[in-house]
Amino acid sequence: MKTTQIQIEGNNGNQAIVFRSSDQIVINLSIVKHGRFGIRRHEDTWVVSARSEWEQIDAARKLQRTLDGQIGTAGDVADYQRVIETFAD
C-alpha cells in the first residue's frame, strides 16, 4: 500500500492537501476568509524538506493554526506532524 496524498479539513472550512513531490513535502492550502464583502477563498502552497525535521515541525504548527483557527496544544500540533511525517524520509 502506498499513501499518495492526505486531505485535511479544519473546523473553520479551511482545507489542506499534503503530498510528496521528489524530495519535498508539498502542502496545498485552501483558506476561507470571511469579510465585509462575503466569503473569499485564498489558495497557498507550502514546500517543506522531506529530510528536515525542524521544517516539518514548523509546518505542522502553522498548519494546525491555519486549519483549526487558533494556536493549539502540543497534542494538537502532534496530530498534524504525524500527517506530515507520513511523507518524510
PDB file of N, CA and C in Angstrom:
ATOM      1  N   MET A   1       0.846  -1.179   0.000  1.00  0.00           N
ATOM      2  CA  MET A   1       0.000   0.000   0.000  1.00  0.00           C
ATOM      3  C   MET A   1       0.887   1.235   0.000  1.00  0.00           C
ATOM      4  N   LYS A   2       0.443   2.244  -0.724  1.00  0.00           N
ATOM      5  CA  LYS A   2       1.190   3.496  -0.812  1.00  0.00           C
ATOM      6  C   LYS A   2       0.224   4.667  -0.633  1.00  0.00           C
ATOM      7  N   THR A   3       0.529   5.524   0.319  1.00  0.00           N
ATOM      8  CA  THR A   3      -0.268   6.730   0.533  1.00  0.00           C
ATOM      9  C   THR A   3       0.286   7.814  -0.381  1.00  0.00           C
ATOM     10  N   THR A   4      -0.552   8.349  -1.260  1.00  0.00           N
ATOM     11  CA  THR A   4      -0.081   9.345  -2.214  1.00  0.00           C
ATOM     12  C   THR A   4      -0.401  10.769  -1.780  1.00  0.00           C
ATOM     13  N   GLN A   5      -1.502  10.943  -1.032  1.00  0.00           N
ATOM     14  CA  GLN A   5      -1.836  12.263  -0.507  1.00  0.00           C
ATOM     15  C   GLN A   5      -2.823  12.107   0.634  1.00  0.00           C
ATOM     16  N   ILE A   6      -2.852  13.132   1.485  1.00  0.00           N
ATOM     17  CA  ILE A   6      -3.800  13.162   2.590  1.00  0.00           C
ATOM     18  C   ILE A   6      -4.503  14.514   2.541  1.00  0.00           C
ATOM     19  N   GLN A   7      -5.824  14.488   2.602  1.00  0.00           N
ATOM     20  CA  GLN A   7      -6.617  15.710   2.605  1.00  0.00           C
ATOM     21  C   GLN A   7      -7.167  15.929   4.009  1.00  0.00           C
ATOM     22  N   ILE A   8      -7.034  17.165   4.491  1.00  0.00           N
ATOM     23  CA  ILE A   8      -7.470  17.520   5.840  1.00  0.00           C
ATOM     24  C   ILE A   8      -8.399  18.728   5.735  1.00  0.00           C
ATOM     25  N   GLU A   9      -9.472  18.717   6.528  1.00  0.00           N
ATOM     26  CA  GLU A   9     -10.363  19.871   6.587  1.00  0.00           C
ATOM     27  C   GLU A   9     -10.489  20.329   8.029  1.00  0.00           C
ATOM     28  N   GLY A  10     -10.279  21.611   8.257  1.00  0.00           N
ATOM     29  CA  GLY A  10     -10.384  22.174   9.598  1.00  0.00           C
ATOM     30  C   GLY A  10     -11.812  22.534   9.950  1.00  0.00           C
ATOM     31  N   ASN A  11     -12.015  22.902  11.196  1.00  0.00           N
ATOM     32  CA  ASN A  11     -13.351  23.261  11.687  1.00  0.00           C
ATOM     33  C   ASN A  11     -13.891  24.537  11.049  1.00  0.00           C
ATOM     34  N   ASN A  12     -13.004  25.387  10.583  1.00  0.00           N
ATOM     35  CA  ASN A  12     -13.429  26.671  10.034  1.00  0.00           C
ATOM     36  C   ASN A  12     -13.556  26.658   8.505  1.00  0.00           C
ATOM     37  N   GLY A  13     -13.527  25.467   7.889  1.00  0.00           N
ATOM     38  CA  GLY A  13     -13.696  25.365   6.439  1.00  0.00           C
ATOM     39  C   GLY A  13     -12.401  25.384   5.651  1.00  0.00           C
ATOM     40  N   ASN A  14     -11.286  25.669   6.300  1.00  0.00           N
ATOM     41  CA  ASN A  14     -10.005  25.640   5.612  1.00  0.00           C
ATOM     42  C   ASN A  14      -9.623  24.197   5.314  1.00  0.00           C
ATOM     43  N   GLN A  15      -8.941  23.993   4.177  1.00  0.00           N
ATOM     44  CA  GLN A  15      -8.559  22.651   3.750  1.00  0.00           C
ATOM     45  C   GLN A  15      -7.094  22.614   3.367  1.00  0.00           C
ATOM     46  N   ALA A  16      -6.503  21.431   3.497  1.00  0.00           N
ATOM     47  CA  ALA A  16      -5.117  21.227   3.081  1.00  0.00           C
ATOM     48  C   ALA A  16      -4.992  19.854   2.424  1.00  0.00           C
ATOM     49  N   ILE A  17      -4.143  19.773   1.418  1.00  0.00           N
ATOM     50  CA  ILE A  17      -3.773  18.502   0.807  1.00  0.00           C
ATOM     51  C   ILE A  17      -2.270  18.384   0.958  1.00  0.00           C
ATOM     52  N   VAL A  18      -1.820  17.298   1.574  1.00  0.00           N
ATOM     53  CA  VAL A  18      -0.399  17.065   1.832  1.00  0.00           C
ATOM     54  C   VAL A  18       0.044  15.895   0.962  1.00  0.00           C
ATOM     55  N   PHE A  19       1.157  16.087   0.234  1.00  0.00           N
ATOM     56  CA  PHE A  19       1.679  15.010  -0.599  1.00  0.00           C
ATOM     57  C   PHE A  19       3.175  15.168  -0.803  1.00  0.00           C
ATOM     58  N   ARG A  20       3.797  14.146  -1.369  1.00  0.00           N
ATOM     59  CA  ARG A  20       5.246  14.129  -1.598  1.00  0.00           C
ATOM     60  C   ARG A  20       5.522  14.395  -3.062  1.00  0.00           C
ATOM     61  N   SER A  21       6.493  15.251  -3.333  1.00  0.00           N
ATOM     62  CA  SER A  21       6.948  15.525  -4.689  1.00  0.00           C
ATOM     63  C   SER A  21       8.469  15.502  -4.678  1.00  0.00           C
ATOM     64  N   SER A  22       9.059  14.478  -5.256  1.00  0.00           N
ATOM     65  CA  SER A  22      10.503  14.182  -5.237  1.00  0.00           C
ATOM     66  C   SER A  22      11.033  14.241  -3.806  1.00  0.00           C
ATOM     67  N   ASP A  23      11.894  15.191  -3.473  1.00  0.00           N
ATOM     68  CA  ASP A  23      12.479  15.233  -2.117  1.00  0.00           C
ATOM     69  C   ASP A  23      11.830  16.298  -1.231  1.00  0.00           C
ATOM     70  N   GLN A  24      10.599  16.689  -1.573  1.00  0.00           N
ATOM     71  CA  GLN A  24       9.907  17.721  -0.818  1.00  0.00           C
ATOM     72  C   GLN A  24       8.507  17.266  -0.439  1.00  0.00           C
ATOM     73  N   ILE A  25       8.016  17.819   0.654  1.00  0.00           N
ATOM     74  CA  ILE A  25       6.633  17.620   1.057  1.00  0.00           C
ATOM     75  C   ILE A  25       5.887  18.900   0.685  1.00  0.00           C
ATOM     76  N   VAL A  26       4.803  18.752  -0.047  1.00  0.00           N
ATOM     77  CA  VAL A  26       4.038  19.900  -0.521  1.00  0.00           C
ATOM     78  C   VAL A  26       2.704  19.951   0.227  1.00  0.00           C
ATOM     79  N   ILE A  27       2.348  21.144   0.686  1.00  0.00           N
ATOM     80  CA  ILE A  27       1.077  21.354   1.378  1.00  0.00           C
ATOM     81  C   ILE A  27       0.319  22.425   0.611  1.00  0.00           C
ATOM     82  N   ASN A  28      -0.774  22.016  -0.039  1.00  0.00           N
ATOM     83  CA  ASN A  28      -1.641  22.957  -0.747  1.00  0.00           C
ATOM     84  C   ASN A  28      -2.777  23.347   0.189  1.00  0.00           C
ATOM     85  N   LEU A  29      -2.953  24.647   0.364  1.00  0.00           N
ATOM     86  CA  LEU A  29      -3.974  25.162   1.280  1.00  0.00           C
ATOM     87  C   LEU A  29      -5.077  25.882   0.518  1.00  0.00           C
ATOM     88  N   SER A  30      -6.296  25.705   0.984  1.00  0.00           N
ATOM     89  CA  SER A  30      -7.442  26.462   0.521  1.00  0.00           C
ATOM     90  C   SER A  30      -8.034  27.119   1.768  1.00  0.00           C
ATOM     91  N   ILE A  31      -7.844  28.439   1.869  1.00  0.00           N
ATOM     92  CA  ILE A  31      -8.199  29.171   3.088  1.00  0.00           C
ATOM     93  C   ILE A  31      -9.440  30.016   2.831  1.00  0.00           C
ATOM     94  N   VAL A  32     -10.421  29.889   3.709  1.00  0.00           N
ATOM     95  CA  VAL A  32     -11.663  30.656   3.621  1.00  0.00           C
ATOM     96  C   VAL A  32     -11.501  31.925   4.438  1.00  0.00           C
ATOM     97  N   LYS A  33     -11.826  33.060   3.821  1.00  0.00           N
ATOM     98  CA  LYS A  33     -11.771  34.338   4.536  1.00  0.00           C
ATOM     99  C   LYS A  33     -13.150  34.969   4.505  1.00  0.00           C
ATOM    100  N   HIS A  34     -13.655  35.281   5.695  1.00  0.00           N
ATOM    101  CA  HIS A  34     -14.953  35.938   5.813  1.00  0.00           C
ATOM    102  C   HIS A  34     -14.706  37.425   5.999  1.00  0.00           C
ATOM    103  N   GLY A  35     -15.329  38.226   5.157  1.00  0.00           N
ATOM    104  CA  GLY A  35     -15.135  39.670   5.256  1.00  0.00           C
ATOM    105  C   GLY A  35     -16.420  40.427   5.020  1.00  0.00           C
ATOM    106  N   ARG A  36     -16.287  41.715   4.910  1.00  0.00           N
ATOM    107  CA  ARG A  36     -17.455  42.575   4.690  1.00  0.00           C
ATOM    108  C   ARG A  36     -18.159  42.270   3.376  1.00  0.00           C
ATOM    109  N   PHE A  37     -17.392  41.803   2.396  1.00  0.00           N
ATOM    110  CA  PHE A  37     -17.945  41.600   1.063  1.00  0.00           C
ATOM    111  C   PHE A  37     -18.230  40.128   0.777  1.00  0.00           C
ATOM    112  N   GLY A  38     -18.363  39.331   1.815  1.00  0.00           N
ATOM    113  CA  GLY A  38     -18.712  37.931   1.635  1.00  0.00           C
ATOM    114  C   GLY A  38     -17.533  37.005   1.905  1.00  0.00           C
ATOM    115  N   ILE A  39     -17.651  35.817   1.368  1.00  0.00           N
ATOM    116  CA  ILE A  39     -16.639  34.785   1.599  1.00  0.00           C
ATOM    117  C   ILE A  39     -15.711  34.715   0.395  1.00  0.00           C
ATOM    118  N   ARG A  40     -14.409  34.696   0.687  1.00  0.00           N
ATOM    119  CA  ARG A  40     -13.397  34.554  -0.372  1.00  0.00           C
ATOM    120  C   ARG A  40     -12.511  33.377  -0.038  1.00  0.00           C
ATOM    121  N   ARG A  41     -12.014  32.702  -1.057  1.00  0.00           N
ATOM    122  CA  ARG A  41     -11.044  31.614  -0.878  1.00  0.00           C
ATOM    123  C   ARG A  41      -9.683  32.103  -1.330  1.00  0.00           C
ATOM    124  N   HIS A  42      -8.692  31.755  -0.554  1.00  0.00           N
ATOM    125  CA  HIS A  42      -7.303  32.083  -0.872  1.00  0.00           C
ATOM    126  C   HIS A  42      -6.536  30.772  -0.974  1.00  0.00           C
ATOM    127  N   GLU A  43      -5.808  30.577  -2.056  1.00  0.00           N
ATOM    128  CA  GLU A  43      -5.016  29.365  -2.247  1.00  0.00           C
ATOM    129  C   GLU A  43      -3.555  29.673  -1.927  1.00  0.00           C
ATOM    130  N   ASP A  44      -2.886  28.736  -1.271  1.00  0.00           N
ATOM    131  CA  ASP A  44      -1.473  28.907  -0.924  1.00  0.00           C
ATOM    132  C   ASP A  44      -0.793  27.546  -0.990  1.00  0.00           C
ATOM    133  N   THR A  45       0.512  27.549  -1.215  1.00  0.00           N
ATOM    134  CA  THR A  45       1.297  26.320  -1.255  1.00  0.00           C
ATOM    135  C   THR A  45       2.537  26.485  -0.398  1.00  0.00           C
ATOM    136  N   TRP A  46       2.762  25.526   0.472  1.00  0.00           N
ATOM    137  CA  TRP A  46       3.977  25.490   1.283  1.00  0.00           C
ATOM    138  C   TRP A  46       4.806  24.289   0.834  1.00  0.00           C
ATOM    139  N   VAL A  47       6.111  24.466   0.793  1.00  0.00           N
ATOM    140  CA  VAL A  47       7.024  23.378   0.438  1.00  0.00           C
ATOM    141  C   VAL A  47       7.980  23.169   1.610  1.00  0.00           C
ATOM    142  N   VAL A  48       8.089  21.905   2.048  1.00  0.00           N
ATOM    143  CA  VAL A  48       8.889  21.550   3.219  1.00  0.00           C
ATOM    144  C   VAL A  48       9.859  20.443   2.822  1.00  0.00           C
ATOM    145  N   SER A  49      11.065  20.502   3.331  1.00  0.00           N
ATOM    146  CA  SER A  49      12.038  19.447   3.063  1.00  0.00           C
ATOM    147  C   SER A  49      11.577  18.125   3.679  1.00  0.00           C
ATOM    148  N   ALA A  50      11.708  17.055   2.913  1.00  0.00           N
ATOM    149  CA  ALA A  50      11.335  15.725   3.417  1.00  0.00           C
ATOM    150  C   ALA A  50      12.361  15.193   4.408  1.00  0.00           C
ATOM    151  N   ARG A  51      13.491  15.884   4.524  1.00  0.00           N
ATOM    152  CA  ARG A  51      14.566  15.424   5.407  1.00  0.00           C
ATOM    153  C   ARG A  51      14.756  16.274   6.653  1.00  0.00           C
ATOM    154  N   SER A  52      14.190  17.467   6.673  1.00  0.00           N
ATOM    155  CA  SER A  52      14.400  18.386   7.798  1.00  0.00           C
ATOM    156  C   SER A  52      13.259  18.269   8.809  1.00  0.00           C
ATOM    157  N   GLU A  53      13.552  17.666   9.941  1.00  0.00           N
ATOM    158  CA  GLU A  53      12.535  17.511  10.979  1.00  0.00           C
ATOM    159  C   GLU A  53      12.064  18.865  11.498  1.00  0.00           C
ATOM    160  N   TRP A  54      12.981  19.841  11.598  1.00  0.00           N
ATOM    161  CA  TRP A  54      12.606  21.166  12.110  1.00  0.00           C
ATOM    162  C   TRP A  54      11.634  21.872  11.176  1.00  0.00           C
ATOM    163  N   GLU A  55      11.864  21.761   9.861  1.00  0.00           N
ATOM    164  CA  GLU A  55      10.931  22.358   8.906  1.00  0.00           C
ATOM    165  C   GLU A  55       9.559  21.698   9.009  1.00  0.00           C
ATOM    166  N   GLN A  56       9.542  20.395   9.220  1.00  0.00           N
ATOM    167  CA  GLN A  56       8.285  19.661   9.333  1.00  0.00           C
ATOM    168  C   GLN A  56       7.522  20.064  10.588  1.00  0.00           C
ATOM    169  N   ILE A  57       8.237  20.239  11.699  1.00  0.00           N
ATOM    170  CA  ILE A  57       7.598  20.669  12.947  1.00  0.00           C
ATOM    171  C   ILE A  57       7.013  22.074  12.788  1.00  0.00           C
ATOM    172  N   ASP A  58       7.781  22.963  12.170  1.00  0.00           N
ATOM    173  CA  ASP A  58       7.306  24.329  11.946  1.00  0.00           C
ATOM    174  C   ASP A  58       6.070  24.333  11.049  1.00  0.00           C
ATOM    175  N   ALA A  59       6.094  23.516   9.996  1.00  0.00           N
ATOM    176  CA  ALA A  59       4.942  23.427   9.095  1.00  0.00           C
ATOM    177  C   ALA A  59       3.726  22.867   9.830  1.00  0.00           C
ATOM    178  N   ALA A  60       3.942  21.895  10.720  1.00  0.00           N
ATOM    179  CA  ALA A  60       2.834  21.317  11.497  1.00  0.00           C
ATOM    180  C   ALA A  60       2.204  22.374  12.395  1.00  0.00           C
ATOM    181  N   ARG A  61       3.017  23.227  13.013  1.00  0.00           N
ATOM    182  CA  ARG A  61       2.486  24.309  13.865  1.00  0.00           C
ATOM    183  C   ARG A  61       1.632  25.274  13.045  1.00  0.00           C
ATOM    184  N   LYS A  62       2.168  25.688  11.892  1.00  0.00           N
ATOM    185  CA  LYS A  62       1.433  26.624  11.043  1.00  0.00           C
ATOM    186  C   LYS A  62       0.163  25.994  10.474  1.00  0.00           C
ATOM    187  N   LEU A  63       0.256  24.720  10.098  1.00  0.00           N
ATOM    188  CA  LEU A  63      -0.901  24.034   9.542  1.00  0.00           C
ATOM    189  C   LEU A  63      -2.008  23.892  10.579  1.00  0.00           C
ATOM    190  N   GLN A  64      -1.636  23.537  11.787  1.00  0.00           N
ATOM    191  CA  GLN A  64      -2.613  23.404  12.871  1.00  0.00           C
ATOM    192  C   GLN A  64      -3.316  24.738  13.120  1.00  0.00           C
ATOM    193  N   ARG A  65      -2.534  25.806  13.194  1.00  0.00           N
ATOM    194  CA  ARG A  65      -3.097  27.142  13.455  1.00  0.00           C
ATOM    195  C   ARG A  65      -4.016  27.575  12.298  1.00  0.00           C
ATOM    196  N   THR A  66      -3.618  27.262  11.067  1.00  0.00           N
ATOM    197  CA  THR A  66      -4.413  27.649   9.899  1.00  0.00           C
ATOM    198  C   THR A  66      -5.719  26.870   9.818  1.00  0.00           C
ATOM    199  N   LEU A  67      -5.653  25.561  10.031  1.00  0.00           N
ATOM    200  CA  LEU A  67      -6.853  24.742   9.881  1.00  0.00           C
ATOM    201  C   LEU A  67      -7.775  24.810  11.089  1.00  0.00           C
ATOM    202  N   ASP A  68      -7.230  24.920  12.280  1.00  0.00           N
ATOM    203  CA  ASP A  68      -8.060  24.969  13.483  1.00  0.00           C
ATOM    204  C   ASP A  68      -8.489  26.386  13.849  1.00  0.00           C
ATOM    205  N   GLY A  69      -7.799  27.388  13.335  1.00  0.00           N
ATOM    206  CA  GLY A  69      -8.176  28.773  13.598  1.00  0.00           C
ATOM    207  C   GLY A  69      -7.676  29.320  14.913  1.00  0.00           C
ATOM    208  N   GLN A  70      -6.826  28.577  15.619  1.00  0.00           N
ATOM    209  CA  GLN A  70      -6.278  29.031  16.898  1.00  0.00           C
ATOM    210  C   GLN A  70      -4.986  28.270  17.181  1.00  0.00           C
ATOM    211  N   ILE A  71      -4.191  28.804  18.087  1.00  0.00           N
ATOM    212  CA  ILE A  71      -2.962  28.118  18.496  1.00  0.00           C
ATOM    213  C   ILE A  71      -3.356  26.940  19.364  1.00  0.00           C
ATOM    214  N   GLY A  72      -2.887  25.750  18.988  1.00  0.00           N
ATOM    215  CA  GLY A  72      -3.277  24.541  19.694  1.00  0.00           C
ATOM    216  C   GLY A  72      -2.239  24.085  20.709  1.00  0.00           C
ATOM    217  N   THR A  73      -2.579  23.020  21.396  1.00  0.00           N
ATOM    218  CA  THR A  73      -1.671  22.414  22.363  1.00  0.00           C
ATOM    219  C   THR A  73      -0.639  21.572  21.629  1.00  0.00           C
ATOM    220  N   ALA A  74       0.329  21.063  22.375  1.00  0.00           N
ATOM    221  CA  ALA A  74       1.358  20.204  21.777  1.00  0.00           C
ATOM    222  C   ALA A  74       0.724  18.971  21.137  1.00  0.00           C
ATOM    223  N   GLY A  75      -0.324  18.452  21.751  1.00  0.00           N
ATOM    224  CA  GLY A  75      -1.011  17.287  21.194  1.00  0.00           C
ATOM    225  C   GLY A  75      -1.711  17.595  19.884  1.00  0.00           C
ATOM    226  N   ASP A  76      -2.274  18.797  19.783  1.00  0.00           N
ATOM    227  CA  ASP A  76      -2.922  19.210  18.536  1.00  0.00           C
ATOM    228  C   ASP A  76      -1.906  19.285  17.404  1.00  0.00           C
ATOM    229  N   VAL A  77      -0.768  19.899  17.691  1.00  0.00           N
ATOM    230  CA  VAL A  77       0.285  20.042  16.682  1.00  0.00           C
ATOM    231  C   VAL A  77       0.840  18.667  16.306  1.00  0.00           C
ATOM    232  N   ALA A  78       0.966  17.769  17.277  1.00  0.00           N
ATOM    233  CA  ALA A  78       1.500  16.428  17.017  1.00  0.00           C
ATOM    234  C   ALA A  78       0.629  15.662  16.026  1.00  0.00           C
ATOM    235  N   ASP A  79      -0.680  15.870  16.059  1.00  0.00           N
ATOM    236  CA  ASP A  79      -1.566  15.220  15.092  1.00  0.00           C
ATOM    237  C   ASP A  79      -1.205  15.631  13.663  1.00  0.00           C
ATOM    238  N   TYR A  80      -0.985  16.917  13.471  1.00  0.00           N
ATOM    239  CA  TYR A  80      -0.607  17.411  12.142  1.00  0.00           C
ATOM    240  C   TYR A  80       0.808  16.972  11.768  1.00  0.00           C
ATOM    241  N   GLN A  81       1.686  16.910  12.748  1.00  0.00           N
ATOM    242  CA  GLN A  81       3.058  16.466  12.480  1.00  0.00           C
ATOM    243  C   GLN A  81       3.077  15.015  11.992  1.00  0.00           C
ATOM    244  N   ARG A  82       2.224  14.168  12.558  1.00  0.00           N
ATOM    245  CA  ARG A  82       2.161  12.778  12.105  1.00  0.00           C
ATOM    246  C   ARG A  82       1.733  12.679  10.648  1.00  0.00           C
ATOM    247  N   VAL A  83       0.816  13.545  10.230  1.00  0.00           N
ATOM    248  CA  VAL A  83       0.407  13.563   8.822  1.00  0.00           C
ATOM    249  C   VAL A  83       1.588  13.930   7.943  1.00  0.00           C
ATOM    250  N   ILE A  84       2.316  14.968   8.325  1.00  0.00           N
ATOM    251  CA  ILE A  84       3.465  15.416   7.529  1.00  0.00           C
ATOM    252  C   ILE A  84       4.557  14.345   7.519  1.00  0.00           C
ATOM    253  N   GLU A  85       4.792  13.700   8.646  1.00  0.00           N
ATOM    254  CA  GLU A  85       5.820  12.655   8.732  1.00  0.00           C
ATOM    255  C   GLU A  85       5.517  11.448   7.858  1.00  0.00           C
ATOM    256  N   THR A  86       4.262  11.277   7.491  1.00  0.00           N
ATOM    257  CA  THR A  86       3.887  10.179   6.586  1.00  0.00           C
ATOM    258  C   THR A  86       4.680  10.263   5.288  1.00  0.00           C
ATOM    259  N   PHE A  87       5.030  11.481   4.883  1.00  0.00           N
ATOM    260  CA  PHE A  87       5.728  11.698   3.617  1.00  0.00           C
ATOM    261  C   PHE A  87       7.206  12.029   3.786  1.00  0.00           C
ATOM    262  N   ALA A  88       7.707  11.947   5.004  1.00  0.00           N
ATOM    263  CA  ALA A  88       9.112  12.300   5.287  1.00  0.00           C
ATOM    264  C   ALA A  88      10.035  11.121   5.033  1.00  0.00           C
ATOM    265  N   ASP A  89      11.333  11.427   4.903  1.00  0.00           N
ATOM    266  CA  ASP A  89      12.355  10.380   4.755  1.00  0.00           C
ATOM    267  C   ASP A  89      12.651   9.749   6.094  1.00  0.00           C
TER     268      ASP A  89
END
